[in-house]
Amino acid sequence: FPLPSFPFSYPTAGASEALREAIHAYGARARRERFVPTIHVFEGEYEGFGAYAAAAAIDLQSHPRTDWHQAIDCIGPNDQFYISQPSAIDGMVWDAFEPFAAELALRQPTAELMLDLSYVGCVARDFTVNANHPNIAAIFLSLSKPAGVYYHRIGGMFSRKELPGLFGNKWFKNLTSLRIGTEFMSRYGVHELPRKYSSIQQRATDKTNKKLGLQLRSADIFLLAIGQASENPSDLERYLLRGPRGHQKVRVGLTPLMAYEIDPSLNPSVAARYYERIPDRTQP
């Protein structure tokens, strides 16, 4: 994607550290400037946005993505809007991201759009994210999902404003994780792994459908499967629903089953952990 000129960049422990710090910094600015902070998201977005907002005692407002024009009417000049692209809502590249960002910049130019790109690297087809909109205040990055390196905590943030809480990260960073991330990005193209594992994604989707009695299809994000809920959805389907009211989809994470398909020594029913493969040498 075309990277705008952000004067501040920080290595972080995945995207979560950067998101948490950005939200707390926003709350601190609101106290200094004496305005009421408000964070906006679309319904069904990444749960971390809401969790970090709650931890910072900042009001969170959710809007149906199908009515994004109306959502902009609710955004104030000092508000922030957190959004993922590709989208965590349904595992797809959101085609309306470009007009949404442009209209938000036009109608509420001082509101900040906070762009989470954690799923870039998880989509096999070509797509572009335009990060040049002037209202994009920060970009969040992570290799947890595209590289499967959750426990190495490899991420980063580009920001138009300095974040004092991340100042020390320039020196006190995990060099081993950063080297792993650098090697990964040097070795693999942005579409390479999703294309390599697309057949395994489909196999995992088919097995999930058979086991759970669902009718899912592979999402753009190769770790997810999505589908329409039944006319009379089961408790399981209702639990798995994501997205705006009236347009919800069943969303299932395929990571454990895909890991098992790649390596049957891994447990298909829990999150795969590399250390499960290491013998327990504490036992006689």
C-alpha atoms as a PDB file:
ATOM      1  CA  PHE A   1       0.000   0.000   0.000  1.00  0.00           C
ATOM      2  CA  PRO A   2       1.234   3.585  -0.555  1.00  0.00           C
ATOM      3  CA  LEU A   3       2.701   4.739   2.769  1.00  0.00           C
ATOM      4  CA  PRO A   4       2.194   8.419   3.583  1.00  0.00           C
ATOM      5  CA  SER A   5       4.855  10.447   5.339  1.00  0.00           C
ATOM      6  CA  PHE A   6       4.400   9.729   9.035  1.00  0.00           C
ATOM      7  CA  PRO A   7       7.156  11.347  11.115  1.00  0.00           C
ATOM      8  CA  PHE A   8       6.847   8.904  14.036  1.00  0.00           C
ATOM      9  CA  SER A   9       7.242   5.124  13.866  1.00  0.00           C
ATOM     10  CA  TYR A  10       7.459   2.610  16.691  1.00  0.00           C
ATOM     11  CA  PRO A  11       8.161  -1.126  16.981  1.00  0.00           C
ATOM     12  CA  THR A  12       5.531  -2.686  19.226  1.00  0.00           C
ATOM     13  CA  ALA A  13       4.468  -6.008  20.713  1.00  0.00           C
ATOM     14  CA  GLY A  14       2.038  -6.886  17.942  1.00  0.00           C
ATOM     15  CA  ALA A  15      -0.653  -4.361  17.068  1.00  0.00           C
ATOM     16  CA  SER A  16      -2.261  -4.567  20.513  1.00  0.00           C
ATOM     17  CA  GLU A  17       0.405  -2.540  22.330  1.00  0.00           C
ATOM     18  CA  ALA A  18       0.165   0.216  19.733  1.00  0.00           C
ATOM     19  CA  LEU A  19      -3.652   0.254  19.812  1.00  0.00           C
ATOM     20  CA  ARG A  20      -3.730   0.361  23.592  1.00  0.00           C
ATOM     21  CA  GLU A  21      -1.205   3.198  23.745  1.00  0.00           C
ATOM     22  CA  ALA A  22      -2.962   5.197  21.020  1.00  0.00           C
ATOM     23  CA  ILE A  23      -6.270   4.967  22.886  1.00  0.00           C
ATOM     24  CA  HIS A  24      -4.733   5.976  26.224  1.00  0.00           C
ATOM     25  CA  ALA A  25      -2.896   8.864  24.549  1.00  0.00           C
ATOM     26  CA  TYR A  26      -6.213   9.996  23.062  1.00  0.00           C
ATOM     27  CA  GLY A  27      -7.791   9.935  26.528  1.00  0.00           C
ATOM     28  CA  ALA A  28      -4.896  11.953  27.955  1.00  0.00           C
ATOM     29  CA  ARG A  29      -5.246  14.559  25.180  1.00  0.00           C
ATOM     30  CA  ALA A  30      -8.963  14.826  25.907  1.00  0.00           C
ATOM     31  CA  ARG A  31      -8.211  15.596  29.555  1.00  0.00           C
ATOM     32  CA  ARG A  32      -5.640  18.233  28.619  1.00  0.00           C
ATOM     33  CA  GLU A  33      -7.838  19.897  26.014  1.00  0.00           C
ATOM     34  CA  ARG A  34     -11.037  19.447  28.042  1.00  0.00           C
ATOM     35  CA  PHE A  35     -13.252  17.604  25.588  1.00  0.00           C
ATOM     36  CA  VAL A  36     -15.180  14.353  25.980  1.00  0.00           C
ATOM     37  CA  PRO A  37     -13.407  11.570  24.044  1.00  0.00           C
ATOM     38  CA  THR A  38     -15.452   9.234  21.868  1.00  0.00           C
ATOM     39  CA  ILE A  39     -14.285   6.262  19.830  1.00  0.00           C
ATOM     40  CA  HIS A  40     -16.347   4.912  16.933  1.00  0.00           C
ATOM     41  CA  VAL A  41     -16.301   1.495  15.280  1.00  0.00           C
ATOM     42  CA  PHE A  42     -18.488  -0.515  12.967  1.00  0.00           C
ATOM     43  CA  GLU A  43     -20.578  -3.288  14.512  1.00  0.00           C
ATOM     44  CA  GLY A  44     -18.733  -6.598  14.659  1.00  0.00           C
ATOM     45  CA  GLU A  45     -15.254  -5.042  14.456  1.00  0.00           C
ATOM     46  CA  TYR A  46     -12.140  -6.365  16.215  1.00  0.00           C
ATOM     47  CA  GLU A  47     -13.063  -6.789  19.882  1.00  0.00           C
ATOM     48  CA  GLY A  48      -9.796  -5.227  21.062  1.00  0.00           C
ATOM     49  CA  PHE A  49     -10.936  -1.747  20.026  1.00  0.00           C
ATOM     50  CA  GLY A  50     -13.806  -1.876  22.479  1.00  0.00           C
ATOM     51  CA  ALA A  51     -11.803  -3.595  25.211  1.00  0.00           C
ATOM     52  CA  TYR A  52      -9.051  -0.970  25.173  1.00  0.00           C
ATOM     53  CA  ALA A  53     -11.572   1.864  25.042  1.00  0.00           C
ATOM     54  CA  ALA A  54     -13.355   0.439  28.085  1.00  0.00           C
ATOM     55  CA  ALA A  55     -10.043   0.094  29.947  1.00  0.00           C
ATOM     56  CA  ALA A  56      -9.369   3.784  29.286  1.00  0.00           C
ATOM     57  CA  ALA A  57     -12.926   4.751  30.332  1.00  0.00           C
ATOM     58  CA  ILE A  58     -13.667   6.141  26.864  1.00  0.00           C
ATOM     59  CA  ASP A  59     -17.146   5.934  25.375  1.00  0.00           C
ATOM     60  CA  LEU A  60     -17.471   3.560  22.404  1.00  0.00           C
ATOM     61  CA  GLN A  61     -20.152   3.981  19.745  1.00  0.00           C
ATOM     62  CA  SER A  62     -20.908   1.210  17.231  1.00  0.00           C
ATOM     63  CA  HIS A  63     -22.537   1.807  13.860  1.00  0.00           C
ATOM     64  CA  PRO A  64     -23.922  -0.465  11.143  1.00  0.00           C
ATOM     65  CA  ARG A  65     -21.388  -0.532   8.333  1.00  0.00           C
ATOM     66  CA  THR A  66     -24.179  -0.719   5.763  1.00  0.00           C
ATOM     67  CA  ASP A  67     -25.173   2.812   6.858  1.00  0.00           C
ATOM     68  CA  TRP A  68     -21.689   4.306   6.905  1.00  0.00           C
ATOM     69  CA  HIS A  69     -22.956   7.595   5.436  1.00  0.00           C
ATOM     70  CA  GLN A  70     -25.205   8.010   8.473  1.00  0.00           C
ATOM     71  CA  ALA A  71     -22.387   6.945  10.803  1.00  0.00           C
ATOM     72  CA  ILE A  72     -20.352   9.951   9.704  1.00  0.00           C
ATOM     73  CA  ASP A  73     -23.205  12.191  10.906  1.00  0.00           C
ATOM     74  CA  CYS A  74     -22.543  10.908  14.440  1.00  0.00           C
ATOM     75  CA  ILE A  75     -18.817  11.644  14.472  1.00  0.00           C
ATOM     76  CA  GLY A  76     -17.637  14.793  16.251  1.00  0.00           C
ATOM     77  CA  PRO A  77     -14.620  16.945  15.406  1.00  0.00           C
ATOM     78  CA  ASN A  78     -12.517  15.494  18.257  1.00  0.00           C
ATOM     79  CA  ASP A  79     -13.594  11.865  17.821  1.00  0.00           C
ATOM     80  CA  GLN A  80     -11.583   8.860  16.642  1.00  0.00           C
ATOM     81  CA  PHE A  81     -12.768   6.075  14.342  1.00  0.00           C
ATOM     82  CA  TYR A  82     -10.994   2.683  14.491  1.00  0.00           C
ATOM     83  CA  ILE A  83     -11.262   0.460  11.440  1.00  0.00           C
ATOM     84  CA  SER A  84      -9.572  -2.692  10.103  1.00  0.00           C
ATOM     85  CA  GLN A  85      -8.840  -3.279   6.418  1.00  0.00           C
ATOM     86  CA  PRO A  86      -9.063  -6.089   5.381  1.00  0.00           C
ATOM     87  CA  SER A  87     -11.984  -6.204   7.764  1.00  0.00           C
ATOM     88  CA  ALA A  88     -12.192  -8.269  10.928  1.00  0.00           C
ATOM     89  CA  ILE A  89     -15.984  -8.004  10.667  1.00  0.00           C
ATOM     90  CA  ASP A  90     -16.397 -10.567   7.916  1.00  0.00           C
ATOM     91  CA  GLY A  91     -12.883 -11.507   6.820  1.00  0.00           C
ATOM     92  CA  MET A  92     -13.229  -9.615   3.550  1.00  0.00           C
ATOM     93  CA  VAL A  93     -11.626  -6.589   1.936  1.00  0.00           C
ATOM     94  CA  TRP A  94     -14.200  -3.823   2.446  1.00  0.00           C
ATOM     95  CA  ASP A  95     -14.752  -2.253  -0.961  1.00  0.00           C
ATOM     96  CA  ALA A  96     -16.274   0.936   0.482  1.00  0.00           C
ATOM     97  CA  PHE A  97     -13.244   1.832   2.598  1.00  0.00           C
ATOM     98  CA  GLU A  98     -11.986   4.394   0.063  1.00  0.00           C
ATOM     99  CA  PRO A  99     -15.247   6.398  -0.246  1.00  0.00           C
ATOM    100  CA  PHE A 100     -15.811   6.152   3.524  1.00  0.00           C
ATOM    101  CA  ALA A 101     -12.381   7.572   4.366  1.00  0.00           C
ATOM    102  CA  ALA A 102     -12.703  10.293   1.735  1.00  0.00           C
ATOM    103  CA  GLU A 103     -16.168  11.385   2.860  1.00  0.00           C
ATOM    104  CA  LEU A 104     -15.151  11.373   6.521  1.00  0.00           C
ATOM    105  CA  ALA A 105     -12.184  13.632   5.665  1.00  0.00           C
ATOM    106  CA  LEU A 106     -14.480  15.960   3.734  1.00  0.00           C
ATOM    107  CA  ARG A 107     -17.317  16.203   6.233  1.00  0.00           C
ATOM    108  CA  GLN A 108     -15.383  15.965   9.517  1.00  0.00           C
ATOM    109  CA  PRO A 109     -11.738  16.770   8.668  1.00  0.00           C
ATOM    110  CA  THR A 110     -10.433  16.981  12.241  1.00  0.00           C
ATOM    111  CA  ALA A 111     -11.767  13.562  13.301  1.00  0.00           C
ATOM    112  CA  GLU A 112      -9.006  10.960  13.304  1.00  0.00           C
ATOM    113  CA  LEU A 113      -9.229   7.720  11.331  1.00  0.00           C
ATOM    114  CA  MET A 114      -7.132   4.982  12.970  1.00  0.00           C
ATOM    115  CA  LEU A 115      -6.271   2.287  10.419  1.00  0.00           C
ATOM    116  CA  ASP A 116      -5.542  -1.294  11.506  1.00  0.00           C
ATOM    117  CA  LEU A 117      -3.772  -3.258   8.748  1.00  0.00           C
ATOM    118  CA  SER A 118      -3.185  -6.428  10.779  1.00  0.00           C
ATOM    119  CA  TYR A 119      -4.813  -8.597   8.099  1.00  0.00           C
ATOM    120  CA  VAL A 120      -2.663  -7.317   5.233  1.00  0.00           C
ATOM    121  CA  GLY A 121      -0.709 -10.378   4.125  1.00  0.00           C
ATOM    122  CA  CYS A 122      -3.696 -12.682   4.710  1.00  0.00           C
ATOM    123  CA  VAL A 123      -5.445 -12.185   1.349  1.00  0.00           C
ATOM    124  CA  ALA A 124      -4.578 -14.099  -1.816  1.00  0.00           C
ATOM    125  CA  ARG A 125      -6.155 -11.716  -4.341  1.00  0.00           C
ATOM    126  CA  ASP A 126      -4.744  -8.358  -5.344  1.00  0.00           C
ATOM    127  CA  PHE A 127      -6.095  -5.329  -3.519  1.00  0.00           C
ATOM    128  CA  THR A 128      -4.922  -1.878  -2.466  1.00  0.00           C
ATOM    129  CA  VAL A 129      -5.323   0.102   0.744  1.00  0.00           C
ATOM    130  CA  ASN A 130      -5.045   3.846   0.239  1.00  0.00           C
ATOM    131  CA  ALA A 131      -3.435   5.182   3.408  1.00  0.00           C
ATOM    132  CA  ASN A 132      -2.874   8.678   2.000  1.00  0.00           C
ATOM    133  CA  HIS A 133      -6.095  10.199   3.317  1.00  0.00           C
ATOM    134  CA  PRO A 134      -5.205  13.266   5.417  1.00  0.00           C
ATOM    135  CA  ASN A 135      -7.453  12.178   8.294  1.00  0.00           C
ATOM    136  CA  ILE A 136      -5.608   8.879   8.828  1.00  0.00           C
ATOM    137  CA  ALA A 137      -3.736   9.680  12.022  1.00  0.00           C
ATOM    138  CA  ALA A 138      -2.105   6.300  12.631  1.00  0.00           C
ATOM    139  CA  ILE A 139      -1.483   2.943  10.995  1.00  0.00           C
ATOM    140  CA  PHE A 140      -1.162  -0.281  12.993  1.00  0.00           C
ATOM    141  CA  LEU A 141       0.757  -3.323  11.753  1.00  0.00           C
ATOM    142  CA  SER A 142       1.195  -6.897  12.966  1.00  0.00           C
ATOM    143  CA  LEU A 143       2.631 -10.196  11.761  1.00  0.00           C
ATOM    144  CA  SER A 144       0.584 -12.260  14.208  1.00  0.00           C
ATOM    145  CA  LYS A 145      -2.043 -13.240  11.663  1.00  0.00           C
ATOM    146  CA  PRO A 146      -0.238 -13.313   8.273  1.00  0.00           C
ATOM    147  CA  ALA A 147       2.823 -15.080   9.707  1.00  0.00           C
ATOM    148  CA  GLY A 148       1.214 -17.002  12.563  1.00  0.00           C
ATOM    149  CA  VAL A 149       3.836 -15.669  14.998  1.00  0.00           C
ATOM    150  CA  TYR A 150       1.407 -14.606  17.723  1.00  0.00           C
ATOM    151  CA  TYR A 151       3.756 -15.376  20.596  1.00  0.00           C
ATOM    152  CA  HIS A 152       6.696 -13.449  19.153  1.00  0.00           C
ATOM    153  CA  ARG A 153       4.689 -10.177  19.305  1.00  0.00           C
ATOM    154  CA  ILE A 154       5.905  -8.508  16.109  1.00  0.00           C
ATOM    155  CA  GLY A 155       4.150  -5.278  15.221  1.00  0.00           C
ATOM    156  CA  GLY A 156       4.515  -1.585  14.643  1.00  0.00           C
ATOM    157  CA  MET A 157       2.851   1.779  14.360  1.00  0.00           C
ATOM    158  CA  PHE A 158       3.205   4.773  12.066  1.00  0.00           C
ATOM    159  CA  SER A 159       1.801   7.980  13.524  1.00  0.00           C
ATOM    160  CA  ARG A 160       1.434  11.613  12.540  1.00  0.00           C
ATOM    161  CA  LYS A 161       1.797  12.567  16.214  1.00  0.00           C
ATOM    162  CA  GLU A 162       4.376  11.552  18.770  1.00  0.00           C
ATOM    163  CA  LEU A 163       3.202   9.032  21.364  1.00  0.00           C
ATOM    164  CA  PRO A 164       5.229   9.623  24.539  1.00  0.00           C
ATOM    165  CA  GLY A 165       4.185   6.260  25.966  1.00  0.00           C
ATOM    166  CA  LEU A 166       6.036   4.480  23.144  1.00  0.00           C
ATOM    167  CA  PHE A 167       9.134   6.675  23.301  1.00  0.00           C
ATOM    168  CA  GLY A 168      11.213   3.983  25.012  1.00  0.00           C
ATOM    169  CA  ASN A 169      10.339   1.391  22.366  1.00  0.00           C
ATOM    170  CA  LYS A 170      12.962   2.914  20.102  1.00  0.00           C
ATOM    171  CA  TRP A 171      15.623   1.467  22.388  1.00  0.00           C
ATOM    172  CA  PHE A 172      13.943  -1.202  24.511  1.00  0.00           C
ATOM    173  CA  LYS A 173      12.564  -3.457  21.815  1.00  0.00           C
ATOM    174  CA  ASN A 174      12.695  -7.184  21.151  1.00  0.00           C
ATOM    175  CA  LEU A 175      15.496  -7.494  18.614  1.00  0.00           C
ATOM    176  CA  THR A 176      14.959 -11.230  18.159  1.00  0.00           C
ATOM    177  CA  SER A 177      11.319 -10.737  17.181  1.00  0.00           C
ATOM    178  CA  LEU A 178      12.182  -7.867  14.876  1.00  0.00           C
ATOM    179  CA  ARG A 179      14.786 -10.026  13.138  1.00  0.00           C
ATOM    180  CA  ILE A 180      12.232 -12.818  12.710  1.00  0.00           C
ATOM    181  CA  GLY A 181       9.783 -10.319  11.241  1.00  0.00           C
ATOM    182  CA  THR A 182      12.393  -8.875   8.888  1.00  0.00           C
ATOM    183  CA  GLU A 183      13.370 -12.332   7.640  1.00  0.00           C
ATOM    184  CA  PHE A 184       9.737 -13.280   7.124  1.00  0.00           C
ATOM    185  CA  MET A 185       8.909 -10.190   5.078  1.00  0.00           C
ATOM    186  CA  SER A 186      12.093 -10.570   3.034  1.00  0.00           C
ATOM    187  CA  ARG A 187      11.314 -14.196   2.231  1.00  0.00           C
ATOM    188  CA  TYR A 188       7.577 -14.112   1.483  1.00  0.00           C
ATOM    189  CA  GLY A 189       5.539 -11.857  -0.768  1.00  0.00           C
ATOM    190  CA  VAL A 190       2.360 -10.271   0.551  1.00  0.00           C
ATOM    191  CA  HIS A 191       0.090 -12.768  -1.287  1.00  0.00           C
ATOM    192  CA  GLU A 192       2.346 -15.821  -1.147  1.00  0.00           C
ATOM    193  CA  LEU A 193       1.133 -17.657   1.958  1.00  0.00           C
ATOM    194  CA  PRO A 194      -2.604 -17.063   1.394  1.00  0.00           C
ATOM    195  CA  ARG A 195      -2.229 -18.490  -2.110  1.00  0.00           C
ATOM    196  CA  LYS A 196      -0.119 -21.387  -0.891  1.00  0.00           C
ATOM    197  CA  TYR A 197      -2.630 -22.374   1.787  1.00  0.00           C
ATOM    198  CA  SER A 198      -5.878 -21.609  -0.069  1.00  0.00           C
ATOM    199  CA  SER A 199      -6.538 -25.308  -0.651  1.00  0.00           C
ATOM    200  CA  ILE A 200      -6.007 -26.023   3.043  1.00  0.00           C
ATOM    201  CA  GLN A 201      -8.350 -23.152   3.920  1.00  0.00           C
ATOM    202  CA  GLN A 202     -10.988 -24.734   1.702  1.00  0.00           C
ATOM    203  CA  ARG A 203     -10.405 -28.183   3.231  1.00  0.00           C
ATOM    204  CA  ALA A 204     -10.729 -26.761   6.740  1.00  0.00           C
ATOM    205  CA  THR A 205     -13.899 -24.926   5.709  1.00  0.00           C
ATOM    206  CA  ASP A 206     -15.427 -28.121   4.310  1.00  0.00           C
ATOM    207  CA  LYS A 207     -14.596 -30.070   7.480  1.00  0.00           C
ATOM    208  CA  THR A 208     -16.030 -27.294   9.665  1.00  0.00           C
ATOM    209  CA  ASN A 209     -19.258 -27.344   7.660  1.00  0.00           C
ATOM    210  CA  LYS A 210     -19.522 -31.105   8.010  1.00  0.00           C
ATOM    211  CA  LYS A 211     -18.748 -31.129  11.723  1.00  0.00           C
ATOM    212  CA  LEU A 212     -20.929 -28.168  12.738  1.00  0.00           C
ATOM    213  CA  GLY A 213     -23.681 -28.442  10.138  1.00  0.00           C
ATOM    214  CA  LEU A 214     -22.967 -25.005   8.671  1.00  0.00           C
ATOM    215  CA  GLN A 215     -22.764 -23.645   5.135  1.00  0.00           C
ATOM    216  CA  LEU A 216     -19.601 -21.562   5.152  1.00  0.00           C
ATOM    217  CA  ARG A 217     -17.302 -20.416   2.374  1.00  0.00           C
ATOM    218  CA  SER A 218     -13.695 -19.300   2.466  1.00  0.00           C
ATOM    219  CA  ALA A 219     -13.226 -15.615   3.313  1.00  0.00           C
ATOM    220  CA  ASP A 220     -10.687 -13.294   1.693  1.00  0.00           C
ATOM    221  CA  ILE A 221      -8.642 -13.607   4.884  1.00  0.00           C
ATOM    222  CA  PHE A 222      -7.257 -17.112   4.621  1.00  0.00           C
ATOM    223  CA  LEU A 223      -7.684 -17.825   8.343  1.00  0.00           C
ATOM    224  CA  LEU A 224     -11.466 -17.375   8.284  1.00  0.00           C
ATOM    225  CA  ALA A 225     -14.658 -18.892   6.857  1.00  0.00           C
ATOM    226  CA  ILE A 226     -17.935 -17.003   6.583  1.00  0.00           C
ATOM    227  CA  GLY A 227     -21.537 -17.741   5.653  1.00  0.00           C
ATOM    228  CA  GLN A 228     -25.167 -16.775   6.029  1.00  0.00           C
ATOM    229  CA  ALA A 229     -27.035 -17.829   9.134  1.00  0.00           C
ATOM    230  CA  SER A 230     -29.922 -20.263   8.814  1.00  0.00           C
ATOM    231  CA  GLU A 231     -33.519 -19.053   8.916  1.00  0.00           C
ATOM    232  CA  ASN A 232     -33.733 -20.573  12.377  1.00  0.00           C
ATOM    233  CA  PRO A 233     -30.140 -20.202  13.615  1.00  0.00           C
ATOM    234  CA  SER A 234     -28.827 -22.505  16.291  1.00  0.00           C
ATOM    235  CA  ASP A 235     -27.225 -21.203  19.487  1.00  0.00           C
ATOM    236  CA  LEU A 236     -23.850 -21.894  17.885  1.00  0.00           C
ATOM    237  CA  GLU A 237     -24.677 -19.814  14.807  1.00  0.00           C
ATOM    238  CA  ARG A 238     -25.916 -16.919  16.931  1.00  0.00           C
ATOM    239  CA  TYR A 239     -22.689 -17.040  18.938  1.00  0.00           C
ATOM    240  CA  LEU A 240     -20.630 -16.871  15.740  1.00  0.00           C
ATOM    241  CA  LEU A 241     -22.555 -13.990  14.148  1.00  0.00           C
ATOM    242  CA  ARG A 242     -20.596 -10.830  13.318  1.00  0.00           C
ATOM    243  CA  GLY A 243     -21.472  -7.620  11.536  1.00  0.00           C
ATOM    244  CA  PRO A 244     -24.256  -5.033  11.398  1.00  0.00           C
ATOM    245  CA  ARG A 245     -27.802  -5.832  12.399  1.00  0.00           C
ATOM    246  CA  GLY A 246     -29.754  -7.369   9.521  1.00  0.00           C
ATOM    247  CA  HIS A 247     -26.552  -8.155   7.611  1.00  0.00           C
ATOM    248  CA  GLN A 248     -24.766 -10.424  10.051  1.00  0.00           C
ATOM    249  CA  LYS A 249     -22.659 -13.341   8.880  1.00  0.00           C
ATOM    250  CA  VAL A 250     -21.436 -16.452  10.624  1.00  0.00           C
ATOM    251  CA  ARG A 251     -17.661 -16.080  11.055  1.00  0.00           C
ATOM    252  CA  VAL A 252     -15.412 -18.974  12.086  1.00  0.00           C
ATOM    253  CA  GLY A 253     -11.675 -18.932  12.770  1.00  0.00           C
ATOM    254  CA  LEU A 254      -9.923 -21.787  10.953  1.00  0.00           C
ATOM    255  CA  THR A 255      -6.463 -21.461  12.513  1.00  0.00           C
ATOM    256  CA  PRO A 256      -6.492 -24.613  14.723  1.00  0.00           C
ATOM    257  CA  LEU A 257      -7.917 -26.866  12.011  1.00  0.00           C
ATOM    258  CA  MET A 258      -5.624 -25.452   9.325  1.00  0.00           C
ATOM    259  CA  ALA A 259      -2.632 -26.023  11.596  1.00  0.00           C
ATOM    260  CA  TYR A 260      -3.747 -29.629  12.053  1.00  0.00           C
ATOM    261  CA  GLU A 261      -4.147 -30.057   8.287  1.00  0.00           C
ATOM    262  CA  ILE A 262      -0.580 -28.825   7.819  1.00  0.00           C
ATOM    263  CA  ASP A 263       0.826 -30.839  10.726  1.00  0.00           C
ATOM    264  CA  PRO A 264      -1.397 -33.611  12.190  1.00  0.00           C
ATOM    265  CA  SER A 265       0.717 -33.679  15.354  1.00  0.00           C
ATOM    266  CA  LEU A 266      -0.987 -30.434  16.374  1.00  0.00           C
ATOM    267  CA  ASN A 267      -4.296 -30.470  18.227  1.00  0.00           C
ATOM    268  CA  PRO A 268      -7.171 -29.445  15.883  1.00  0.00           C
ATOM    269  CA  SER A 269      -9.512 -28.370  18.680  1.00  0.00           C
ATOM    270  CA  VAL A 270      -7.377 -25.709  20.413  1.00  0.00           C
ATOM    271  CA  ALA A 271      -5.131 -22.888  19.271  1.00  0.00           C
ATOM    272  CA  ALA A 272      -1.994 -24.488  17.890  1.00  0.00           C
ATOM    273  CA  ARG A 273       1.110 -23.845  19.942  1.00  0.00           C
ATOM    274  CA  TYR A 274       4.580 -24.563  18.681  1.00  0.00           C
ATOM    275  CA  TYR A 275       5.665 -25.749  22.111  1.00  0.00           C
ATOM    276  CA  GLU A 276       3.165 -28.617  21.989  1.00  0.00           C
ATOM    277  CA  ARG A 277       5.651 -30.296  19.659  1.00  0.00           C
ATOM    278  CA  ILE A 278       8.535 -30.103  22.095  1.00  0.00           C
ATOM    279  CA  PRO A 279       8.909 -33.174  24.350  1.00  0.00           C
ATOM    280  CA  ASP A 280       8.380 -32.571  28.052  1.00  0.00           C
ATOM    281  CA  ARG A 281      11.898 -33.188  29.392  1.00  0.00           C
ATOM    282  CA  THR A 282      10.816 -32.635  32.998  1.00  0.00           C
ATOM    283  CA  GLN A 283       9.281 -36.102  33.081  1.00  0.00           C
ATOM    284  CA  PRO A 284      11.530 -39.083  33.945  1.00  0.00           C
END
